[in-house]
C-alpha atoms as a PDB file:
ATOM      1  CA  UNK A   1     -18.700  17.723   8.662  1.00  0.00           C
ATOM      2  CA  UNK A   2     -20.006  17.802   4.719  1.00  0.00           C
ATOM      3  CA  UNK A   3     -17.983  19.449   1.834  1.00  0.00           C
ATOM      4  CA  UNK A   4     -20.297  22.385   1.586  1.00  0.00           C
ATOM      5  CA  UNK A   5     -19.967  23.149   5.443  1.00  0.00           C
ATOM      6  CA  UNK A   6     -15.994  22.996   4.892  1.00  0.00           C
ATOM      7  CA  UNK A   7     -16.318  25.941   2.052  1.00  0.00           C
ATOM      8  CA  UNK A   8     -19.280  27.858   4.014  1.00  0.00           C
ATOM      9  CA  UNK A   9     -16.763  27.930   7.434  1.00  0.00           C
ATOM     10  CA  UNK A  10     -13.251  28.827   5.854  1.00  0.00           C
ATOM     11  CA  UNK A  11     -14.252  31.317   3.217  1.00  0.00           C
ATOM     12  CA  UNK A  12     -10.563  31.983   2.994  1.00  0.00           C
ATOM     13  CA  UNK A  13      -9.857  28.942   1.387  1.00  0.00           C
ATOM     14  CA  UNK A  14      -9.358  29.985  -2.045  1.00  0.00           C
ATOM     15  CA  UNK A  15      -6.905  27.524  -3.418  1.00  0.00           C
ATOM     16  CA  UNK A  16      -8.319  23.535  -3.680  1.00  0.00           C
ATOM     17  CA  UNK A  17      -6.817  20.836  -4.393  1.00  0.00           C
ATOM     18  CA  UNK A  18      -7.852  17.121  -5.971  1.00  0.00           C
ATOM     19  CA  UNK A  19      -5.758  14.656  -5.472  1.00  0.00           C
ATOM     20  CA  UNK A  20      -5.403  10.553  -5.353  1.00  0.00           C
ATOM     21  CA  UNK A  21      -4.587   7.444  -7.743  1.00  0.00           C
ATOM     22  CA  UNK A  22      -5.304   7.803 -11.510  1.00  0.00           C
ATOM     23  CA  UNK A  23      -8.773   7.443 -12.678  1.00  0.00           C
ATOM     24  CA  UNK A  24     -10.436   8.136  -9.308  1.00  0.00           C
ATOM     25  CA  UNK A  25     -12.420  11.057 -10.525  1.00  0.00           C
ATOM     26  CA  UNK A  26     -10.065  14.034  -9.752  1.00  0.00           C
ATOM     27  CA  UNK A  27     -10.942  16.080 -12.602  1.00  0.00           C
ATOM     28  CA  UNK A  28     -14.686  15.457 -12.631  1.00  0.00           C
ATOM     29  CA  UNK A  29     -14.973  16.731  -8.631  1.00  0.00           C
ATOM     30  CA  UNK A  30     -12.672  19.756 -10.239  1.00  0.00           C
ATOM     31  CA  UNK A  31     -14.885  21.036 -12.641  1.00  0.00           C
ATOM     32  CA  UNK A  32     -18.095  19.881 -10.538  1.00  0.00           C
ATOM     33  CA  UNK A  33     -16.470  22.411  -7.765  1.00  0.00           C
ATOM     34  CA  UNK A  34     -15.781  25.201 -10.259  1.00  0.00           C
ATOM     35  CA  UNK A  35     -19.353  24.641 -11.260  1.00  0.00           C
ATOM     36  CA  UNK A  36     -20.491  24.922  -8.144  1.00  0.00           C
ATOM     37  CA  UNK A  37     -18.850  27.853  -7.100  1.00  0.00           C
ATOM     38  CA  UNK A  38     -18.917  29.795 -10.025  1.00  0.00           C
ATOM     39  CA  UNK A  39     -23.222  28.957  -9.634  1.00  0.00           C
ATOM     40  CA  UNK A  40     -22.730  30.968  -6.667  1.00  0.00           C
ATOM     41  CA  UNK A  41     -21.266  34.284  -8.429  1.00  0.00           C
ATOM     42  CA  UNK A  42     -17.487  33.482  -7.756  1.00  0.00           C
ATOM     43  CA  UNK A  43     -15.079  33.959 -10.597  1.00  0.00           C
ATOM     44  CA  UNK A  44     -12.539  30.402 -10.595  1.00  0.00           C
ATOM     45  CA  UNK A  45     -10.450  28.903 -12.681  1.00  0.00           C
ATOM     46  CA  UNK A  46     -10.099  24.964 -12.411  1.00  0.00           C
ATOM     47  CA  UNK A  47      -6.808  23.881 -14.288  1.00  0.00           C
ATOM     48  CA  UNK A  48      -4.680  20.810 -14.918  1.00  0.00           C
ATOM     49  CA  UNK A  49      -1.528  19.977 -14.284  1.00  0.00           C
ATOM     50  CA  UNK A  50      -1.735  17.022 -15.855  1.00  0.00           C
ATOM     51  CA  UNK A  51       0.113  16.012 -19.531  1.00  0.00           C
ATOM     52  CA  UNK A  52      -2.203  13.918 -20.327  1.00  0.00           C
ATOM     53  CA  UNK A  53      -5.491  16.034 -19.257  1.00  0.00           C
ATOM     54  CA  UNK A  54      -9.262  15.702 -19.561  1.00  0.00           C
ATOM     55  CA  UNK A  55     -10.576  18.780 -19.018  1.00  0.00           C
ATOM     56  CA  UNK A  56     -11.406  19.188 -22.479  1.00  0.00           C
ATOM     57  CA  UNK A  57     -13.049  15.950 -22.807  1.00  0.00           C
ATOM     58  CA  UNK A  58     -15.557  16.883 -19.560  1.00  0.00           C
ATOM     59  CA  UNK A  59     -16.059  20.332 -20.845  1.00  0.00           C
ATOM     60  CA  UNK A  60     -16.662  18.913 -24.282  1.00  0.00           C
ATOM     61  CA  UNK A  61     -14.625  21.790 -25.404  1.00  0.00           C
ATOM     62  CA  UNK A  62     -11.200  22.089 -26.849  1.00  0.00           C
ATOM     63  CA  UNK A  63      -9.046  24.166 -23.959  1.00  0.00           C
ATOM     64  CA  UNK A  64      -5.328  22.640 -24.485  1.00  0.00           C
ATOM     65  CA  UNK A  65      -3.091  25.240 -24.596  1.00  0.00           C
ATOM     66  CA  UNK A  66      -5.026  27.978 -24.978  1.00  0.00           C
ATOM     67  CA  UNK A  67      -5.008  29.944 -21.406  1.00  0.00           C
ATOM     68  CA  UNK A  68      -7.737  30.814 -19.671  1.00  0.00           C
ATOM     69  CA  UNK A  69     -10.857  29.519 -21.674  1.00  0.00           C
ATOM     70  CA  UNK A  70     -14.888  30.725 -20.497  1.00  0.00           C
ATOM     71  CA  UNK A  71     -16.538  27.867 -20.393  1.00  0.00           C
ATOM     72  CA  UNK A  72     -19.910  29.787 -18.450  1.00  0.00           C
ATOM     73  CA  UNK A  73     -20.241  32.823 -16.801  1.00  0.00           C
ATOM     74  CA  UNK A  74     -17.396  33.035 -13.743  1.00  0.00           C
ATOM     75  CA  UNK A  75     -16.011  29.264 -15.051  1.00  0.00           C
ATOM     76  CA  UNK A  76     -12.728  29.421 -16.566  1.00  0.00           C
ATOM     77  CA  UNK A  77     -10.684  26.089 -17.538  1.00  0.00           C
ATOM     78  CA  UNK A  78      -6.958  25.687 -18.549  1.00  0.00           C
ATOM     79  CA  UNK A  79      -5.006  22.803 -19.713  1.00  0.00           C
ATOM     80  CA  UNK A  80      -0.990  23.704 -19.683  1.00  0.00           C
ATOM     81  CA  UNK A  81       0.699  22.586 -23.255  1.00  0.00           C
ATOM     82  CA  UNK A  82       4.051  21.849 -21.522  1.00  0.00           C
ATOM     83  CA  UNK A  83       5.853  22.001 -24.529  1.00  0.00           C
ATOM     84  CA  UNK A  84       5.003  25.397 -25.789  1.00  0.00           C
ATOM     85  CA  UNK A  85       5.851  26.829 -22.079  1.00  0.00           C
ATOM     86  CA  UNK A  86       9.435  25.339 -22.792  1.00  0.00           C
ATOM     87  CA  UNK A  87       9.514  26.844 -26.382  1.00  0.00           C
ATOM     88  CA  UNK A  88       8.979  30.531 -24.307  1.00  0.00           C
ATOM     89  CA  UNK A  89      11.390  29.341 -21.745  1.00  0.00           C
ATOM     90  CA  UNK A  90      13.912  28.680 -24.256  1.00  0.00           C
ATOM     91  CA  UNK A  91      12.762  31.744 -25.703  1.00  0.00           C
ATOM     92  CA  UNK A  92      13.154  33.840 -22.553  1.00  0.00           C
ATOM     93  CA  UNK A  93      16.316  32.194 -22.339  1.00  0.00           C
ATOM     94  CA  UNK A  94      17.779  33.661 -25.238  1.00  0.00           C
ATOM     95  CA  UNK A  95      16.665  37.048 -24.656  1.00  0.00           C
ATOM     96  CA  UNK A  96      18.044  37.090 -21.473  1.00  0.00           C
ATOM     97  CA  UNK A  97      21.423  36.325 -23.056  1.00  0.00           C
ATOM     98  CA  UNK A  98      21.421  38.787 -25.713  1.00  0.00           C
ATOM     99  CA  UNK A  99      20.613  41.611 -23.459  1.00  0.00           C
ATOM    100  CA  UNK A 100      22.951  40.509 -20.511  1.00  0.00           C
ATOM    101  CA  UNK A 101      25.882  40.153 -22.725  1.00  0.00           C
ATOM    102  CA  UNK A 102      25.102  42.222 -25.852  1.00  0.00           C
ATOM    103  CA  UNK A 103      24.972  39.712 -28.153  1.00  0.00           C
ATOM    104  CA  UNK A 104      23.114  39.778 -31.532  1.00  0.00           C
ATOM    105  CA  UNK A 105      23.019  36.569 -32.533  1.00  0.00           C
ATOM    106  CA  UNK A 106      22.834  33.399 -29.777  1.00  0.00           C
ATOM    107  CA  UNK A 107      26.223  30.991 -30.373  1.00  0.00           C
ATOM    108  CA  UNK A 108      25.724  27.933 -31.779  1.00  0.00           C
ATOM    109  CA  UNK A 109      26.927  25.709 -28.888  1.00  0.00           C
ATOM    110  CA  UNK A 110      24.613  28.040 -26.831  1.00  0.00           C
ATOM    111  CA  UNK A 111      21.922  27.502 -29.063  1.00  0.00           C
ATOM    112  CA  UNK A 112      22.470  23.855 -29.135  1.00  0.00           C
ATOM    113  CA  UNK A 113      22.251  23.796 -25.536  1.00  0.00           C
ATOM    114  CA  UNK A 114      19.445  25.615 -25.072  1.00  0.00           C
ATOM    115  CA  UNK A 115      17.839  23.226 -27.703  1.00  0.00           C
ATOM    116  CA  UNK A 116      18.958  19.941 -25.579  1.00  0.00           C
ATOM    117  CA  UNK A 117      17.527  20.953 -22.415  1.00  0.00           C
ATOM    118  CA  UNK A 118      13.481  20.241 -23.882  1.00  0.00           C
ATOM    119  CA  UNK A 119      14.603  16.875 -23.757  1.00  0.00           C
ATOM    120  CA  UNK A 120      15.508  16.499 -20.250  1.00  0.00           C
ATOM    121  CA  UNK A 121      13.437  14.209 -18.675  1.00  0.00           C
ATOM    122  CA  UNK A 122      12.208  16.856 -15.557  1.00  0.00           C
ATOM    123  CA  UNK A 123      11.714  19.573 -18.483  1.00  0.00           C
ATOM    124  CA  UNK A 124       8.077  19.233 -18.796  1.00  0.00           C
ATOM    125  CA  UNK A 125       7.450  18.567 -14.922  1.00  0.00           C
ATOM    126  CA  UNK A 126       9.573  21.943 -14.482  1.00  0.00           C
ATOM    127  CA  UNK A 127       7.764  23.597 -17.537  1.00  0.00           C
ATOM    128  CA  UNK A 128       4.406  22.829 -15.992  1.00  0.00           C
ATOM    129  CA  UNK A 129       5.501  23.400 -12.040  1.00  0.00           C
ATOM    130  CA  UNK A 130       6.571  27.007 -13.726  1.00  0.00           C
ATOM    131  CA  UNK A 131       3.237  27.622 -15.339  1.00  0.00           C
ATOM    132  CA  UNK A 132       1.310  26.821 -12.053  1.00  0.00           C
ATOM    133  CA  UNK A 133       3.517  29.673 -10.513  1.00  0.00           C
ATOM    134  CA  UNK A 134       2.301  32.006 -13.063  1.00  0.00           C
ATOM    135  CA  UNK A 135      -1.158  31.007 -12.540  1.00  0.00           C
ATOM    136  CA  UNK A 136      -1.193  31.108  -8.415  1.00  0.00           C
ATOM    137  CA  UNK A 137       0.910  34.248  -8.440  1.00  0.00           C
ATOM    138  CA  UNK A 138      -1.547  36.005 -10.688  1.00  0.00           C
ATOM    139  CA  UNK A 139      -4.277  36.392  -8.518  1.00  0.00           C
ATOM    140  CA  UNK A 140      -6.842  37.066 -11.075  1.00  0.00           C
ATOM    141  CA  UNK A 141      -9.938  34.865  -9.569  1.00  0.00           C
ATOM    142  CA  UNK A 142     -11.751  34.181  -6.557  1.00  0.00           C
ATOM    143  CA  UNK A 143     -10.861  30.504  -6.435  1.00  0.00           C
ATOM    144  CA  UNK A 144      -7.932  28.559  -7.806  1.00  0.00           C
ATOM    145  CA  UNK A 145      -9.130  24.736  -8.461  1.00  0.00           C
ATOM    146  CA  UNK A 146      -6.340  21.876  -8.823  1.00  0.00           C
ATOM    147  CA  UNK A 147      -6.725  19.030 -11.117  1.00  0.00           C
ATOM    148  CA  UNK A 148      -3.489  17.073  -9.726  1.00  0.00           C
ATOM    149  CA  UNK A 149      -1.868  14.583 -11.669  1.00  0.00           C
ATOM    150  CA  UNK A 150      -2.110  11.536 -10.104  1.00  0.00           C
ATOM    151  CA  UNK A 151      -0.341  10.210  -6.521  1.00  0.00           C
ATOM    152  CA  UNK A 152       3.297   9.956  -7.299  1.00  0.00           C
ATOM    153  CA  UNK A 153       3.774  12.587  -9.684  1.00  0.00           C
ATOM    154  CA  UNK A 154       1.795  15.041  -7.400  1.00  0.00           C
ATOM    155  CA  UNK A 155       4.385  14.672  -4.763  1.00  0.00           C
ATOM    156  CA  UNK A 156       6.959  15.657  -7.290  1.00  0.00           C
ATOM    157  CA  UNK A 157       5.062  18.747  -7.629  1.00  0.00           C
ATOM    158  CA  UNK A 158       5.052  18.943  -4.184  1.00  0.00           C
ATOM    159  CA  UNK A 159       8.763  18.779  -3.593  1.00  0.00           C
ATOM    160  CA  UNK A 160       9.923  20.931  -6.665  1.00  0.00           C
ATOM    161  CA  UNK A 161       9.268  24.276  -4.573  1.00  0.00           C
ATOM    162  CA  UNK A 162      11.603  22.962  -1.575  1.00  0.00           C
ATOM    163  CA  UNK A 163      14.027  21.705  -4.147  1.00  0.00           C
ATOM    164  CA  UNK A 164      14.002  24.437  -6.562  1.00  0.00           C
ATOM    165  CA  UNK A 165      14.284  26.959  -3.201  1.00  0.00           C
ATOM    166  CA  UNK A 166      17.438  24.823  -1.800  1.00  0.00           C
ATOM    167  CA  UNK A 167      19.480  24.884  -5.110  1.00  0.00           C
ATOM    168  CA  UNK A 168      18.792  28.619  -5.845  1.00  0.00           C
ATOM    169  CA  UNK A 169      19.322  29.642  -1.935  1.00  0.00           C
ATOM    170  CA  UNK A 170      22.850  27.688  -2.562  1.00  0.00           C
ATOM    171  CA  UNK A 171      23.131  29.117  -5.982  1.00  0.00           C
ATOM    172  CA  UNK A 172      22.139  32.956  -4.641  1.00  0.00           C
ATOM    173  CA  UNK A 173      24.904  32.594  -1.736  1.00  0.00           C
ATOM    174  CA  UNK A 174      27.956  32.031  -3.810  1.00  0.00           C
ATOM    175  CA  UNK A 175      26.399  34.817  -6.579  1.00  0.00           C
ATOM    176  CA  UNK A 176      26.242  37.168  -3.868  1.00  0.00           C
ATOM    177  CA  UNK A 177      30.193  35.817  -2.564  1.00  0.00           C
ATOM    178  CA  UNK A 178      31.350  36.758  -5.875  1.00  0.00           C
ATOM    179  CA  UNK A 179      29.266  40.450  -6.000  1.00  0.00           C
ATOM    180  CA  UNK A 180      30.703  41.124  -2.749  1.00  0.00           C
ATOM    181  CA  UNK A 181      34.530  40.486  -4.266  1.00  0.00           C
ATOM    182  CA  UNK A 182      33.618  41.851  -7.103  1.00  0.00           C
ATOM    183  CA  UNK A 183      32.920  45.560  -4.600  1.00  0.00           C
ATOM    184  CA  UNK A 184      35.987  44.970  -2.880  1.00  0.00           C
ATOM    185  CA  UNK A 185      38.273  44.500  -5.829  1.00  0.00           C
ATOM    186  CA  UNK A 186      36.433  47.966  -7.228  1.00  0.00           C
ATOM    187  CA  UNK A 187      37.325  50.108  -4.187  1.00  0.00           C
ATOM    188  CA  UNK A 188      41.115  48.569  -4.219  1.00  0.00           C
ATOM    189  CA  UNK A 189      41.491  49.527  -7.655  1.00  0.00           C
ATOM    190  CA  UNK A 190      39.738  53.005  -7.163  1.00  0.00           C
ATOM    191  CA  UNK A 191      37.196  51.974  -9.871  1.00  0.00           C
ATOM    192  CA  UNK A 192      33.778  52.962  -9.246  1.00  0.00           C
ATOM    193  CA  UNK A 193      30.934  50.661  -8.321  1.00  0.00           C
ATOM    194  CA  UNK A 194      30.248  47.381 -10.172  1.00  0.00           C
ATOM    195  CA  UNK A 195      27.441  47.205 -12.007  1.00  0.00           C
ATOM    196  CA  UNK A 196      23.932  45.392 -10.759  1.00  0.00           C
ATOM    197  CA  UNK A 197      24.552  41.778 -11.083  1.00  0.00           C
ATOM    198  CA  UNK A 198      21.358  40.749 -13.213  1.00  0.00           C
ATOM    199  CA  UNK A 199      22.055  37.058 -12.898  1.00  0.00           C
ATOM    200  CA  UNK A 200      21.889  37.486  -9.309  1.00  0.00           C
ATOM    201  CA  UNK A 201      18.645  39.718  -9.856  1.00  0.00           C
ATOM    202  CA  UNK A 202      16.739  37.265 -11.815  1.00  0.00           C
ATOM    203  CA  UNK A 203      17.726  34.235  -9.205  1.00  0.00           C
ATOM    204  CA  UNK A 204      16.267  36.317  -6.451  1.00  0.00           C
ATOM    205  CA  UNK A 205      13.102  36.651  -8.794  1.00  0.00           C
ATOM    206  CA  UNK A 206      12.884  33.020  -9.473  1.00  0.00           C
ATOM    207  CA  UNK A 207      13.441  32.251  -5.535  1.00  0.00           C
ATOM    208  CA  UNK A 208      10.286  34.828  -4.759  1.00  0.00           C
ATOM    209  CA  UNK A 209       8.146  33.132  -7.189  1.00  0.00           C
ATOM    210  CA  UNK A 210       8.589  29.652  -5.815  1.00  0.00           C
ATOM    211  CA  UNK A 211       8.576  30.977  -2.120  1.00  0.00           C
ATOM    212  CA  UNK A 212       5.145  32.855  -3.167  1.00  0.00           C
ATOM    213  CA  UNK A 213       3.521  29.505  -4.812  1.00  0.00           C
ATOM    214  CA  UNK A 214       4.652  27.389  -2.182  1.00  0.00           C
ATOM    215  CA  UNK A 215       3.272  29.323   0.477  1.00  0.00           C
ATOM    216  CA  UNK A 216       0.087  29.177  -0.558  1.00  0.00           C
ATOM    217  CA  UNK A 217      -0.113  25.576  -1.233  1.00  0.00           C
ATOM    218  CA  UNK A 218       1.061  24.535   2.018  1.00  0.00           C
ATOM    219  CA  UNK A 219      -0.991  27.229   3.850  1.00  0.00           C
ATOM    220  CA  UNK A 220      -3.943  25.962   5.762  1.00  0.00           C
ATOM    221  CA  UNK A 221      -5.587  29.491   6.211  1.00  0.00           C
ATOM    222  CA  UNK A 222      -5.824  29.765   2.302  1.00  0.00           C
ATOM    223  CA  UNK A 223      -5.944  26.085   0.822  1.00  0.00           C
ATOM    224  CA  UNK A 224      -7.532  23.190   0.903  1.00  0.00           C
ATOM    225  CA  UNK A 225      -6.390  19.633  -0.194  1.00  0.00           C
ATOM    226  CA  UNK A 226      -8.958  16.811  -0.818  1.00  0.00           C
ATOM    227  CA  UNK A 227      -8.179  13.158  -1.407  1.00  0.00           C
ATOM    228  CA  UNK A 228     -10.639  11.133  -3.952  1.00  0.00           C
ATOM    229  CA  UNK A 229     -10.985   7.461  -2.899  1.00  0.00           C
ATOM    230  CA  UNK A 230     -13.036   4.348  -4.034  1.00  0.00           C
ATOM    231  CA  UNK A 231     -14.486   1.633  -2.167  1.00  0.00           C
ATOM    232  CA  UNK A 232     -11.576  -0.496  -2.799  1.00  0.00           C
ATOM    233  CA  UNK A 233      -8.424  -2.145  -0.817  1.00  0.00           C
ATOM    234  CA  UNK A 234      -5.549  -1.230  -2.824  1.00  0.00           C
ATOM    235  CA  UNK A 235      -7.116   2.682  -3.515  1.00  0.00           C
ATOM    236  CA  UNK A 236      -7.566   2.830   0.518  1.00  0.00           C
ATOM    237  CA  UNK A 237      -4.133   1.586   1.187  1.00  0.00           C
ATOM    238  CA  UNK A 238      -2.493   3.642  -1.089  1.00  0.00           C
ATOM    239  CA  UNK A 239      -4.514   6.535   0.167  1.00  0.00           C
ATOM    240  CA  UNK A 240      -3.544   5.939   3.751  1.00  0.00           C
ATOM    241  CA  UNK A 241       0.258   6.122   2.380  1.00  0.00           C
ATOM    242  CA  UNK A 242       0.141   8.799   0.284  1.00  0.00           C
ATOM    243  CA  UNK A 243      -1.254  10.587   3.103  1.00  0.00           C
ATOM    244  CA  UNK A 244       1.439  10.402   5.726  1.00  0.00           C
ATOM    245  CA  UNK A 245       3.558  11.203   2.476  1.00  0.00           C
ATOM    246  CA  UNK A 246       1.563  14.624   1.526  1.00  0.00           C
ATOM    247  CA  UNK A 247       1.603  15.735   5.423  1.00  0.00           C
ATOM    248  CA  UNK A 248       5.706  15.654   5.733  1.00  0.00           C
ATOM    249  CA  UNK A 249       5.074  18.390   2.843  1.00  0.00           C
ATOM    250  CA  UNK A 250       2.513  19.990   5.241  1.00  0.00           C
ATOM    251  CA  UNK A 251       0.189  19.968   2.503  1.00  0.00           C
ATOM    252  CA  UNK A 252      -3.448  21.082   4.264  1.00  0.00           C
ATOM    253  CA  UNK A 253      -5.303  17.611   3.688  1.00  0.00           C
ATOM    254  CA  UNK A 254      -8.886  18.843   5.038  1.00  0.00           C
ATOM    255  CA  UNK A 255     -10.608  15.655   4.007  1.00  0.00           C
ATOM    256  CA  UNK A 256     -11.704  12.393   1.808  1.00  0.00           C
ATOM    257  CA  UNK A 257     -14.176  11.773  -0.731  1.00  0.00           C
ATOM    258  CA  UNK A 258     -15.891   8.753  -1.862  1.00  0.00           C
ATOM    259  CA  UNK A 259     -16.747   8.593  -5.156  1.00  0.00           C
ATOM    260  CA  UNK A 260     -18.704   5.919  -7.331  1.00  0.00           C
ATOM    261  CA  UNK A 261     -20.615   4.257  -4.723  1.00  0.00           C
ATOM    262  CA  UNK A 262     -23.363   1.585  -5.743  1.00  0.00           C
ATOM    263  CA  UNK A 263     -26.693   2.896  -4.218  1.00  0.00           C
ATOM    264  CA  UNK A 264     -27.531   0.655  -1.684  1.00  0.00           C
ATOM    265  CA  UNK A 265     -31.152   0.165  -2.591  1.00  0.00           C
ATOM    266  CA  UNK A 266     -30.273  -1.779  -5.588  1.00  0.00           C
ATOM    267  CA  UNK A 267     -29.824  -4.449  -3.489  1.00  0.00           C
ATOM    268  CA  UNK A 268     -33.161  -4.240  -2.661  1.00  0.00           C
ATOM    269  CA  UNK A 269     -34.117  -5.208  -6.116  1.00  0.00           C
ATOM    270  CA  UNK A 270     -33.774  -7.823  -8.123  1.00  0.00           C
ATOM    271  CA  UNK A 271     -30.311  -7.527  -9.737  1.00  0.00           C
ATOM    272  CA  UNK A 272     -27.682 -10.043 -11.167  1.00  0.00           C
ATOM    273  CA  UNK A 273     -25.809 -11.879  -8.642  1.00  0.00           C
ATOM    274  CA  UNK A 274     -22.496 -10.591  -9.806  1.00  0.00           C
ATOM    275  CA  UNK A 275     -23.788  -6.862  -8.841  1.00  0.00           C
ATOM    276  CA  UNK A 276     -25.352  -8.540  -5.450  1.00  0.00           C
ATOM    277  CA  UNK A 277     -21.479  -9.873  -4.626  1.00  0.00           C
ATOM    278  CA  UNK A 278     -20.028  -6.127  -5.374  1.00  0.00           C
ATOM    279  CA  UNK A 279     -22.461  -4.424  -3.267  1.00  0.00           C
ATOM    280  CA  UNK A 280     -21.759  -6.273  -0.144  1.00  0.00           C
ATOM    281  CA  UNK A 281     -17.865  -6.126  -0.929  1.00  0.00           C
ATOM    282  CA  UNK A 282     -18.452  -2.500  -1.322  1.00  0.00           C
ATOM    283  CA  UNK A 283     -20.354  -2.048   2.082  1.00  0.00           C
ATOM    284  CA  UNK A 284     -16.736  -3.998   3.999  1.00  0.00           C
ATOM    285  CA  UNK A 285     -14.773  -1.710   2.249  1.00  0.00           C
ATOM    286  CA  UNK A 286     -16.889   1.460   3.305  1.00  0.00           C
ATOM    287  CA  UNK A 287     -16.386   0.594   6.420  1.00  0.00           C
ATOM    288  CA  UNK A 288     -12.908   0.182   6.384  1.00  0.00           C
ATOM    289  CA  UNK A 289     -12.532   4.024   4.623  1.00  0.00           C
ATOM    290  CA  UNK A 290     -14.789   5.121   8.146  1.00  0.00           C
ATOM    291  CA  UNK A 291     -12.755   3.262  10.198  1.00  0.00           C
ATOM    292  CA  UNK A 292      -9.728   4.379   8.429  1.00  0.00           C
ATOM    293  CA  UNK A 293     -10.050   7.775   7.904  1.00  0.00           C
ATOM    294  CA  UNK A 294     -13.038   8.449  10.293  1.00  0.00           C
ATOM    295  CA  UNK A 295     -14.719  11.850  10.805  1.00  0.00           C
ATOM    296  CA  UNK A 296     -12.449  13.356   7.631  1.00  0.00           C
ATOM    297  CA  UNK A 297     -14.387  11.374   5.519  1.00  0.00           C
ATOM    298  CA  UNK A 298     -16.743  14.431   4.112  1.00  0.00           C
ATOM    299  CA  UNK A 299     -19.086  12.656   1.552  1.00  0.00           C
ATOM    300  CA  UNK A 300     -19.989   9.866  -0.584  1.00  0.00           C
ATOM    301  CA  UNK A 301     -20.804  10.599  -4.391  1.00  0.00           C
ATOM    302  CA  UNK A 302     -22.755   7.382  -6.412  1.00  0.00           C
ATOM    303  CA  UNK A 303     -21.756   6.055  -9.450  1.00  0.00           C
ATOM    304  CA  UNK A 304     -23.529   7.487 -12.319  1.00  0.00           C
ATOM    305  CA  UNK A 305     -25.477   6.146 -15.224  1.00  0.00           C
ATOM    306  CA  UNK A 306     -22.767   7.190 -17.594  1.00  0.00           C
ATOM    307  CA  UNK A 307     -20.001   9.462 -18.169  1.00  0.00           C
ATOM    308  CA  UNK A 308     -19.502  12.512 -16.684  1.00  0.00           C
ATOM    309  CA  UNK A 309     -19.241  15.113 -19.524  1.00  0.00           C
ATOM    310  CA  UNK A 310     -21.285  18.598 -20.312  1.00  0.00           C
ATOM    311  CA  UNK A 311     -22.412  21.157 -18.122  1.00  0.00           C
ATOM    312  CA  UNK A 312     -25.467  18.589 -17.495  1.00  0.00           C
ATOM    313  CA  UNK A 313     -23.609  16.213 -15.898  1.00  0.00           C
ATOM    314  CA  UNK A 314     -21.293  18.169 -13.860  1.00  0.00           C
ATOM    315  CA  UNK A 315     -23.915  19.964 -12.558  1.00  0.00           C
ATOM    316  CA  UNK A 316     -25.639  16.739 -11.183  1.00  0.00           C
ATOM    317  CA  UNK A 317     -22.104  15.899 -10.098  1.00  0.00           C
ATOM    318  CA  UNK A 318     -21.606  18.996  -8.118  1.00  0.00           C
ATOM    319  CA  UNK A 319     -25.276  18.339  -6.536  1.00  0.00           C
ATOM    320  CA  UNK A 320     -23.989  15.106  -4.989  1.00  0.00           C
ATOM    321  CA  UNK A 321     -20.982  16.563  -3.672  1.00  0.00           C
ATOM    322  CA  UNK A 322     -22.428  19.759  -1.849  1.00  0.00           C
ATOM    323  CA  UNK A 323     -25.728  18.084  -1.278  1.00  0.00           C
ATOM    324  CA  UNK A 324     -27.738  19.928  -3.129  1.00  0.00           C
ATOM    325  CA  UNK A 325     -26.652  23.300  -2.000  1.00  0.00           C
ATOM    326  CA  UNK A 326     -26.787  25.568  -5.595  1.00  0.00           C
END
């Protein structure tokens, strides 16, 4: 099974994720896949959820915090600015307080609390997660390519949906009970029905957004997750552990891509001794990758002679990934 064949046989899988340890080539493969699909005529968005995103570097264009930027026909890229999203979220909270309680100005103690939330350790991750939900539920593109953060953080994002969902479920239940008591009290006091609970409506709105997003990310019919691995012992072990953890979140793992493979033909040439040893070591770990992941290993991508930046080099990676199927 090749990577191109997976796309051909599963045309409804429109949410594509690349994950793995940091520095293995996730961003490169995300960009190359987006390039390949765009060349086929699909409207594609590749976006990064990594605060230290490098899509700007690989496309040689400043896209950070600028929304979806068109790189070439059909191909759009986006790097999420978490700080900007936090500021927008804070202003949204202020406006909702004004609307719900009829305030012209936000009280100082409430404003101080709103400002303090920006410094909370989880606020950046929460802001990015919320931005991802915005992107995913937008349904403006044929394909969405996720450039995920390194494995540990990726697991955090994948767990966020269930954590948020459980929290909102409890808060919503409590809010519904309060509303029922208020309605009973209104009847006993022969008052008109209580006004619609705006807070409850807001909670239900958030819950629906999260459920929509998490439902897509764990839907094997719509989503494909690919691990990027290199022929190194620790990378293989870490990937194996991560795959088990991802499975617990029902992530539809569709295969493994081996990156930075030194072309075997070099061993037949006059090369430095250390390079020959490197190739011998690589052969051992390539065999281990095949043994560990079996038929789920989709393709091997060679180590390139220079950095992958600019559309020309991205196109070369796309050819290596998809077998030159343009």
